[in-house]
Amino acid sequence: MGPEFWKHEESDVCTTFQVDLSALVDGEIDESAAGRAMMHMEACTCCRGFFEDVRGQVRLHKDMATPDRLFARIAILTGAEATAAAEGIDLVHRLATVFYQLGKAYVLAAIDPGYRERVFDTAVPVGDVQTRGRGFVDGVLLDGKASAGGLDWKRARAMLNGKLEKIESPLEKGRRLLEEAISTDPSHEEAQLYLAFLHGHEGKRLTAAEEYRRIFQTAMSPANRGHAAIQLGRLHSSEKNYRKAIACWRWVTISGLADEDDRFFVARFNLGMVYALTRNRARSLGYFRSLLDHHPDRATEVADLFSRSPRLREAIDAQPGFAEALVGAVPELFSLPGAAGNDAQSTDSQGSGSEES
């Protein structure tokens, strides 16, 4: 029950007692006032509901703040109840992951079989995963768990078989599978990320930005928050909203995620690129130097990013002395065999036109 409920239901007398009841929950009321509040609550349904609501919220807050309390409450469940609940959650998540893996594979295959800017790992073999997925669902059904986790597992079996085969477009298959993953498990963050990725590819930038923003704000996994921040920054950068793009990518570096998870080295590259585009040479050089200092094993990939970023190289060439300063700041980048770094001093571009990872 929210504040509006109490506003409409309470009398002036109840207002006074509800202040006392709130203090009673917190243990901040004297004995006589507590007695009066308890007597009033026995006679007043509205205030009794208010007291239980406040006490429930306080209990939930304490449980979340102290994991041991939460575990203790879970332990109150009988062994059978706890086991069934845990098994249902696990089965639901596993099914959602099957849908997600297939959806991701179809999306990437539809966009470009060799697509480089993957949000997660390389796509799985569709046939193998689909076969294993059907086997997994059949196993659940044979075990008599057709309603495990509150799902319709027969419908899931149909989705992995006939329904999926009837969809001709790989991109549409990917969309349907990702939506199915989220419908199965609304908390599946990876599926949310790839659906946002698909929307961005289709030009639905506002939708994609809202989805990435929501994932960043609610994701439990720091890596998923990082992926959302990287992709949201790319959307802002493509619209030349560099201030917002910088804020997204700086979160990845300032939070320490880029150092804890080497996949996020691209955040520093993107920052160096954006500062070059905005003619802030000192910061650009600083980020490129920091990039190689923190991720020395990524030098070859960094060189490749330079070769595929014609807009970055044009910005460098347009600023007198920038190319020479770049070579001086990150000399090891330009000494790599076949490194694109040597092209940083030339406008001759053989890159693909990709601007950020």
Protein backbone atom coordinates (compact mmCIF):
# COMPACT_ATOMS: atom_id res chain seq x y z
CA MET A 1 0.00 0.00 0.00
CA GLY A 2 1.37 3.39 -0.94
CA PRO A 3 1.17 6.85 0.68
CA GLU A 4 -1.94 7.77 -1.34
CA PHE A 5 -3.86 4.93 0.32
CA TRP A 6 -3.12 6.22 3.80
CA LYS A 7 -3.91 9.81 2.80
CA HIS A 8 -7.43 8.89 1.76
CA GLU A 9 -8.19 6.41 4.52
CA GLU A 10 -6.81 8.03 7.66
CA SER A 11 -8.56 10.44 10.03
CA ASP A 12 -6.82 13.22 11.96
CA VAL A 13 -6.69 10.93 15.00
CA CYS A 14 -5.14 8.17 12.90
CA THR A 15 -2.53 10.58 11.58
CA THR A 16 -1.28 11.15 15.11
CA PHE A 17 -1.28 7.47 15.98
CA GLN A 18 0.48 6.49 12.75
CA VAL A 19 3.39 8.74 13.71
CA ASP A 20 3.54 6.84 17.01
CA LEU A 21 3.24 3.50 15.21
CA SER A 22 6.16 4.38 12.93
CA ALA A 23 8.20 5.23 16.03
CA LEU A 24 7.05 1.95 17.59
CA VAL A 25 8.46 -0.02 14.64
CA ASP A 26 11.79 1.79 15.08
CA GLY A 27 11.77 1.30 18.87
CA GLU A 28 11.82 5.06 19.41
CA ILE A 29 8.70 5.59 21.57
CA ASP A 30 8.14 5.68 25.31
CA GLU A 31 6.15 3.00 27.10
CA SER A 32 2.93 5.00 27.72
CA ALA A 33 2.71 6.25 24.13
CA ALA A 34 3.39 2.74 22.88
CA GLY A 35 0.51 1.42 24.99
CA ARG A 36 -1.91 4.00 23.61
CA ALA A 37 -0.82 3.28 20.05
CA MET A 38 -1.27 -0.46 20.52
CA MET A 39 -4.76 0.00 21.99
CA HIS A 40 -5.77 2.24 19.08
CA MET A 41 -4.39 -0.24 16.57
CA GLU A 42 -6.51 -3.04 18.05
CA ALA A 43 -9.65 -1.04 17.29
CA CYS A 44 -8.61 0.56 13.99
CA THR A 45 -8.26 -1.62 10.87
CA CYS A 46 -6.62 1.18 8.91
CA CYS A 47 -3.87 1.77 11.46
CA ARG A 48 -3.34 -1.97 11.95
CA GLY A 49 -2.75 -2.30 8.20
CA PHE A 50 -0.45 0.71 8.29
CA PHE A 51 1.60 -0.84 11.12
CA GLU A 52 1.97 -4.17 9.31
CA ASP A 53 2.94 -2.39 6.08
CA VAL A 54 5.62 -0.29 7.76
CA ARG A 55 6.95 -3.26 9.72
CA GLY A 56 7.14 -5.33 6.55
CA GLN A 57 9.10 -2.62 4.75
CA VAL A 58 11.52 -2.25 7.64
CA ARG A 59 12.01 -6.03 7.79
CA LEU A 60 12.67 -6.20 4.05
CA HIS A 61 15.18 -3.35 4.28
CA LYS A 62 17.04 -5.04 7.11
CA ASP A 63 17.02 -8.37 5.30
CA MET A 64 18.52 -6.84 2.18
CA ALA A 65 21.11 -4.92 4.20
CA THR A 66 22.10 -8.02 6.18
CA PRO A 67 22.34 -11.17 4.02
CA ASP A 68 22.46 -13.42 7.09
CA ARG A 69 18.95 -12.30 8.03
CA LEU A 70 17.69 -13.07 4.54
CA PHE A 71 19.26 -16.52 4.59
CA ALA A 72 17.69 -17.15 7.97
CA ARG A 73 14.24 -16.37 6.57
CA ILE A 74 14.83 -18.66 3.61
CA ALA A 75 15.82 -21.38 6.06
CA ILE A 76 12.34 -21.14 7.64
CA LEU A 77 10.93 -22.76 4.51
CA THR A 78 10.64 -26.54 4.66
CA GLY A 79 13.34 -28.46 2.85
CA ALA A 80 10.88 -29.55 0.14
CA GLU A 81 9.60 -26.03 -0.46
CA ALA A 82 13.09 -24.56 -0.65
CA THR A 83 14.32 -27.32 -2.96
CA ALA A 84 11.34 -26.99 -5.31
CA ALA A 85 11.63 -23.20 -5.44
CA ALA A 86 15.37 -23.30 -6.12
CA GLU A 87 14.96 -25.98 -8.79
CA GLY A 88 12.21 -24.01 -10.51
CA ILE A 89 14.35 -20.87 -10.61
CA ASP A 90 17.29 -22.82 -12.03
CA LEU A 91 15.21 -24.54 -14.73
CA VAL A 92 13.63 -21.25 -15.81
CA HIS A 93 17.01 -19.53 -16.08
CA ARG A 94 18.47 -22.43 -18.06
CA LEU A 95 15.58 -22.34 -20.54
CA ALA A 96 15.88 -18.55 -20.91
CA THR A 97 19.60 -18.98 -21.57
CA VAL A 98 18.88 -21.48 -24.37
CA PHE A 99 16.54 -18.95 -25.99
CA TYR A 100 19.11 -16.19 -25.49
CA GLN A 101 22.00 -18.15 -26.99
CA LEU A 102 19.96 -19.07 -30.06
CA GLY A 103 18.61 -15.54 -30.40
CA LYS A 104 22.08 -14.04 -30.23
CA ALA A 105 23.39 -16.48 -32.84
CA TYR A 106 20.60 -15.68 -35.28
CA VAL A 107 20.96 -11.92 -34.77
CA LEU A 108 24.71 -11.96 -35.37
CA ALA A 109 24.37 -14.27 -38.37
CA ALA A 110 21.76 -11.93 -39.87
CA ILE A 111 23.79 -8.77 -39.33
CA ASP A 112 27.18 -10.16 -40.38
CA PRO A 113 28.56 -13.69 -39.84
CA GLY A 114 31.94 -12.18 -38.98
CA TYR A 115 30.55 -9.32 -36.93
CA ARG A 116 33.29 -7.97 -34.68
CA GLU A 117 31.57 -5.74 -32.15
CA ARG A 118 29.95 -8.51 -30.12
CA VAL A 119 28.44 -7.62 -26.78
CA PHE A 120 29.42 -11.01 -25.41
CA ASP A 121 31.26 -14.10 -26.55
CA THR A 122 31.14 -15.63 -30.01
CA ALA A 123 27.83 -17.08 -31.13
CA VAL A 124 27.02 -20.72 -30.41
CA PRO A 125 26.37 -23.38 -33.11
CA VAL A 126 22.63 -23.02 -33.69
CA GLY A 127 21.89 -26.65 -34.55
CA ASP A 128 23.69 -28.10 -31.55
CA VAL A 129 22.15 -25.69 -29.06
CA GLN A 130 18.67 -26.14 -30.50
CA THR A 131 18.99 -29.93 -30.22
CA ARG A 132 20.30 -29.70 -26.66
CA GLY A 133 17.55 -27.24 -25.82
CA ARG A 134 14.85 -29.63 -27.01
CA GLY A 135 16.49 -32.43 -25.04
CA PHE A 136 16.57 -30.27 -21.92
CA VAL A 137 12.87 -29.39 -22.23
CA ASP A 138 11.93 -33.02 -22.95
CA GLY A 139 13.78 -34.05 -19.82
CA VAL A 140 11.80 -31.56 -17.72
CA LEU A 141 8.54 -32.85 -19.21
CA LEU A 142 9.46 -36.52 -18.70
CA ASP A 143 10.26 -35.75 -15.05
CA GLY A 144 6.68 -34.56 -14.60
CA LYS A 145 7.68 -30.92 -14.13
CA ALA A 146 5.50 -29.42 -16.86
CA SER A 147 4.65 -26.46 -14.62
CA ALA A 148 8.07 -25.95 -13.00
CA GLY A 149 8.75 -22.30 -12.32
CA GLY A 150 5.22 -21.43 -13.41
CA LEU A 151 6.08 -21.94 -17.11
CA ASP A 152 4.28 -23.83 -19.87
CA TRP A 153 7.09 -26.19 -20.85
CA LYS A 154 5.08 -27.74 -23.68
CA ARG A 155 4.87 -24.33 -25.29
CA ALA A 156 8.64 -23.97 -24.86
CA ARG A 157 9.12 -27.32 -26.64
CA ALA A 158 6.98 -26.07 -29.54
CA MET A 159 9.04 -22.87 -29.76
CA LEU A 160 12.24 -24.86 -30.11
CA ASN A 161 10.71 -27.04 -32.79
CA GLY A 162 7.86 -26.19 -35.17
CA LYS A 163 7.30 -22.52 -34.36
CA LEU A 164 10.93 -21.60 -34.85
CA GLU A 165 11.19 -23.44 -38.17
CA LYS A 166 8.23 -21.50 -39.58
CA ILE A 167 10.06 -18.17 -39.19
CA GLU A 168 12.07 -17.59 -42.38
CA SER A 169 14.08 -14.47 -41.53
CA PRO A 170 17.14 -15.16 -39.30
CA LEU A 171 16.80 -11.65 -37.85
CA GLU A 172 13.16 -12.24 -36.97
CA LYS A 173 14.06 -15.61 -35.45
CA GLY A 174 16.63 -13.84 -33.33
CA ARG A 175 14.13 -11.23 -32.20
CA ARG A 176 11.49 -13.80 -31.28
CA LEU A 177 13.99 -15.92 -29.37
CA LEU A 178 15.36 -12.95 -27.40
CA GLU A 179 11.82 -11.84 -26.57
CA GLU A 180 11.05 -15.41 -25.50
CA ALA A 181 14.12 -15.42 -23.25
CA ILE A 182 13.00 -12.22 -21.54
CA SER A 183 9.41 -13.46 -21.27
CA THR A 184 10.68 -16.67 -19.67
CA ASP A 185 13.04 -14.88 -17.28
CA PRO A 186 12.52 -11.08 -17.16
CA SER A 187 15.76 -10.74 -15.19
CA HIS A 188 17.92 -12.27 -17.96
CA GLU A 189 20.30 -9.36 -18.47
CA GLU A 190 22.22 -10.77 -21.44
CA ALA A 191 19.02 -11.25 -23.43
CA GLN A 192 18.01 -7.67 -22.59
CA LEU A 193 21.38 -6.43 -23.85
CA TYR A 194 21.14 -8.23 -27.17
CA LEU A 195 17.58 -7.10 -27.79
CA ALA A 196 18.73 -3.52 -27.22
CA PHE A 197 21.65 -4.22 -29.56
CA LEU A 198 19.20 -5.41 -32.23
CA HIS A 199 17.03 -2.33 -31.80
CA GLY A 200 20.07 -0.10 -32.23
CA HIS A 201 21.07 -1.95 -35.40
CA GLU A 202 17.57 -1.40 -36.78
CA GLY A 203 17.85 2.34 -36.20
CA LYS A 204 15.55 2.40 -33.18
CA ARG A 205 18.03 4.54 -31.29
CA LEU A 206 15.69 5.96 -28.67
CA THR A 207 14.36 2.50 -27.81
CA ALA A 208 17.87 1.05 -27.66
CA ALA A 209 19.13 3.94 -25.51
CA GLU A 210 16.27 3.53 -23.04
CA GLU A 211 16.94 -0.20 -22.81
CA TYR A 212 20.68 0.23 -22.29
CA ARG A 213 20.01 2.91 -19.68
CA ARG A 214 17.61 0.63 -17.80
CA ILE A 215 20.09 -2.27 -17.91
CA PHE A 216 22.86 -0.02 -16.62
CA GLN A 217 20.68 1.13 -13.72
CA THR A 218 19.32 -2.28 -12.71
CA ALA A 219 21.81 -4.99 -13.75
CA MET A 220 23.26 -7.12 -10.96
CA SER A 221 26.32 -8.06 -13.03
CA PRO A 222 29.02 -5.35 -13.22
CA ALA A 223 30.00 -6.72 -16.64
CA ASN A 224 26.48 -6.29 -17.96
CA ARG A 225 26.41 -2.74 -16.61
CA GLY A 226 29.69 -2.17 -18.41
CA HIS A 227 28.38 -3.53 -21.71
CA ALA A 228 25.33 -1.30 -21.41
CA ALA A 229 27.52 1.73 -20.71
CA ILE A 230 29.79 0.99 -23.70
CA GLN A 231 26.87 0.58 -26.08
CA LEU A 232 24.99 3.61 -24.73
CA GLY A 233 28.15 5.67 -25.20
CA ARG A 234 28.35 4.49 -28.82
CA LEU A 235 24.80 5.70 -29.45
CA HIS A 236 25.57 9.11 -27.94
CA SER A 237 28.81 9.37 -29.91
CA SER A 238 27.09 8.54 -33.21
CA GLU A 239 24.81 11.51 -32.57
CA LYS A 240 27.87 13.67 -31.70
CA ASN A 241 26.67 14.01 -28.12
CA TYR A 242 30.24 13.57 -26.92
CA ARG A 243 29.64 14.83 -23.39
CA LYS A 244 27.22 11.99 -22.66
CA ALA A 245 29.40 9.47 -24.48
CA ILE A 246 32.38 10.45 -22.34
CA ALA A 247 30.29 10.08 -19.17
CA CYS A 248 29.36 6.51 -20.14
CA TRP A 249 32.90 5.41 -20.97
CA ARG A 250 34.47 7.17 -18.00
CA TRP A 251 32.18 5.19 -15.71
CA VAL A 252 33.77 2.02 -17.11
CA THR A 253 37.28 3.27 -16.31
CA ILE A 254 36.57 5.08 -13.03
CA SER A 255 34.59 2.13 -11.62
CA GLY A 256 37.64 -0.08 -12.14
CA LEU A 257 35.74 -2.42 -14.45
CA ALA A 258 38.15 -1.83 -17.34
CA ASP A 259 41.03 -3.03 -15.14
CA GLU A 260 39.13 -5.97 -13.65
CA ASP A 261 37.79 -7.21 -16.99
CA ASP A 262 40.18 -6.77 -19.91
CA ARG A 263 37.34 -6.93 -22.45
CA PHE A 264 36.53 -3.34 -21.54
CA PHE A 265 39.81 -1.94 -22.87
CA VAL A 266 37.71 -0.35 -25.62
CA ALA A 267 36.43 2.25 -23.14
CA ARG A 268 39.88 3.88 -23.05
CA PHE A 269 40.21 3.68 -26.84
CA ASN A 270 36.82 5.34 -27.28
CA LEU A 271 37.75 8.10 -24.83
CA GLY A 272 41.01 8.75 -26.69
CA MET A 273 39.09 8.86 -29.96
CA VAL A 274 36.38 11.25 -28.73
CA TYR A 275 38.90 13.64 -27.22
CA ALA A 276 40.73 13.61 -30.57
CA LEU A 277 37.48 14.42 -32.36
CA THR A 278 36.83 17.31 -29.97
CA ARG A 279 40.40 18.59 -30.47
CA ASN A 280 41.52 17.95 -26.90
CA ARG A 281 44.94 16.57 -27.84
CA ALA A 282 46.35 16.28 -24.33
CA ARG A 283 43.51 14.14 -23.03
CA SER A 284 43.41 12.07 -26.20
CA LEU A 285 47.11 11.24 -25.95
CA GLY A 286 46.71 10.55 -22.24
CA TYR A 287 43.98 7.98 -22.82
CA PHE A 288 45.85 6.25 -25.64
CA ARG A 289 48.94 6.01 -23.43
CA SER A 290 46.83 4.76 -20.52
CA LEU A 291 45.21 2.24 -22.84
CA LEU A 292 48.51 0.54 -23.65
CA ASP A 293 49.78 0.85 -20.07
CA HIS A 294 46.73 -0.94 -18.69
CA HIS A 295 46.20 -3.37 -21.57
CA PRO A 296 49.58 -4.15 -23.15
CA ASP A 297 48.35 -7.45 -24.55
CA ARG A 298 45.70 -5.63 -26.58
CA ALA A 299 48.18 -3.63 -28.69
CA THR A 300 47.39 -5.50 -31.91
CA GLU A 301 43.64 -4.99 -31.43
CA VAL A 302 44.22 -1.31 -30.68
CA ALA A 303 46.18 -0.96 -33.92
CA ASP A 304 43.30 -2.62 -35.75
CA LEU A 305 40.84 -0.19 -34.18
CA PHE A 306 42.94 2.69 -35.49
CA SER A 307 42.93 1.19 -38.99
CA ARG A 308 39.14 0.86 -38.93
CA SER A 309 38.50 4.40 -37.65
CA PRO A 310 38.91 6.80 -40.58
CA ARG A 311 37.14 9.60 -38.74
CA LEU A 312 39.68 9.36 -35.92
CA ARG A 313 42.61 9.45 -38.29
CA GLU A 314 41.15 12.38 -40.19
CA ALA A 315 40.82 14.26 -36.89
CA ILE A 316 44.46 13.49 -36.06
CA ASP A 317 45.68 14.62 -39.49
CA ALA A 318 43.63 17.81 -39.27
CA GLN A 319 45.55 18.95 -36.18
CA PRO A 320 49.17 19.95 -36.95
CA GLY A 321 51.67 17.96 -34.94
CA PHE A 322 49.08 15.54 -33.51
CA ALA A 323 50.28 12.52 -35.53
CA GLU A 324 53.88 13.07 -34.46
CA ALA A 325 52.80 13.51 -30.84
CA LEU A 326 50.80 10.28 -31.04
CA VAL A 327 53.80 8.35 -32.33
CA GLY A 328 55.85 9.80 -29.48
CA ALA A 329 53.21 8.92 -26.87
CA VAL A 330 52.58 5.32 -27.95
CA PRO A 331 55.62 4.27 -30.04
CA GLU A 332 55.07 0.55 -29.46
CA LEU A 333 51.73 0.77 -31.27
CA PHE A 334 53.44 1.78 -34.50
CA SER A 335 56.21 -0.81 -34.33
CA LEU A 336 53.84 -3.76 -34.67
CA PRO A 337 54.21 -5.79 -37.90
CA GLY A 338 51.67 -4.46 -40.36
CA ALA A 339 50.31 -2.08 -37.73
CA ALA A 340 47.81 0.47 -38.91
CA GLY A 341 49.51 2.96 -36.64
CA ASN A 342 51.81 3.96 -39.48
CA ASP A 343 48.71 5.10 -41.33
CA ALA A 344 47.88 7.53 -38.53
CA GLN A 345 50.09 9.99 -40.37
CA SER A 346 48.20 9.48 -43.62
CA THR A 347 44.60 10.05 -44.72
CA ASP A 348 44.72 6.96 -46.94
CA SER A 349 42.11 4.81 -45.22
CA GLN A 350 41.49 1.13 -45.83
CA GLY A 351 39.35 0.77 -42.71
CA SER A 352 35.78 -0.43 -42.53
CA GLY A 353 34.42 2.81 -41.19
CA SER A 354 33.71 1.55 -37.70
CA GLU A 355 34.20 4.29 -35.13
CA GLU A 356 33.85 2.70 -31.71
CA SER A 357 33.74 -0.73 -30.18
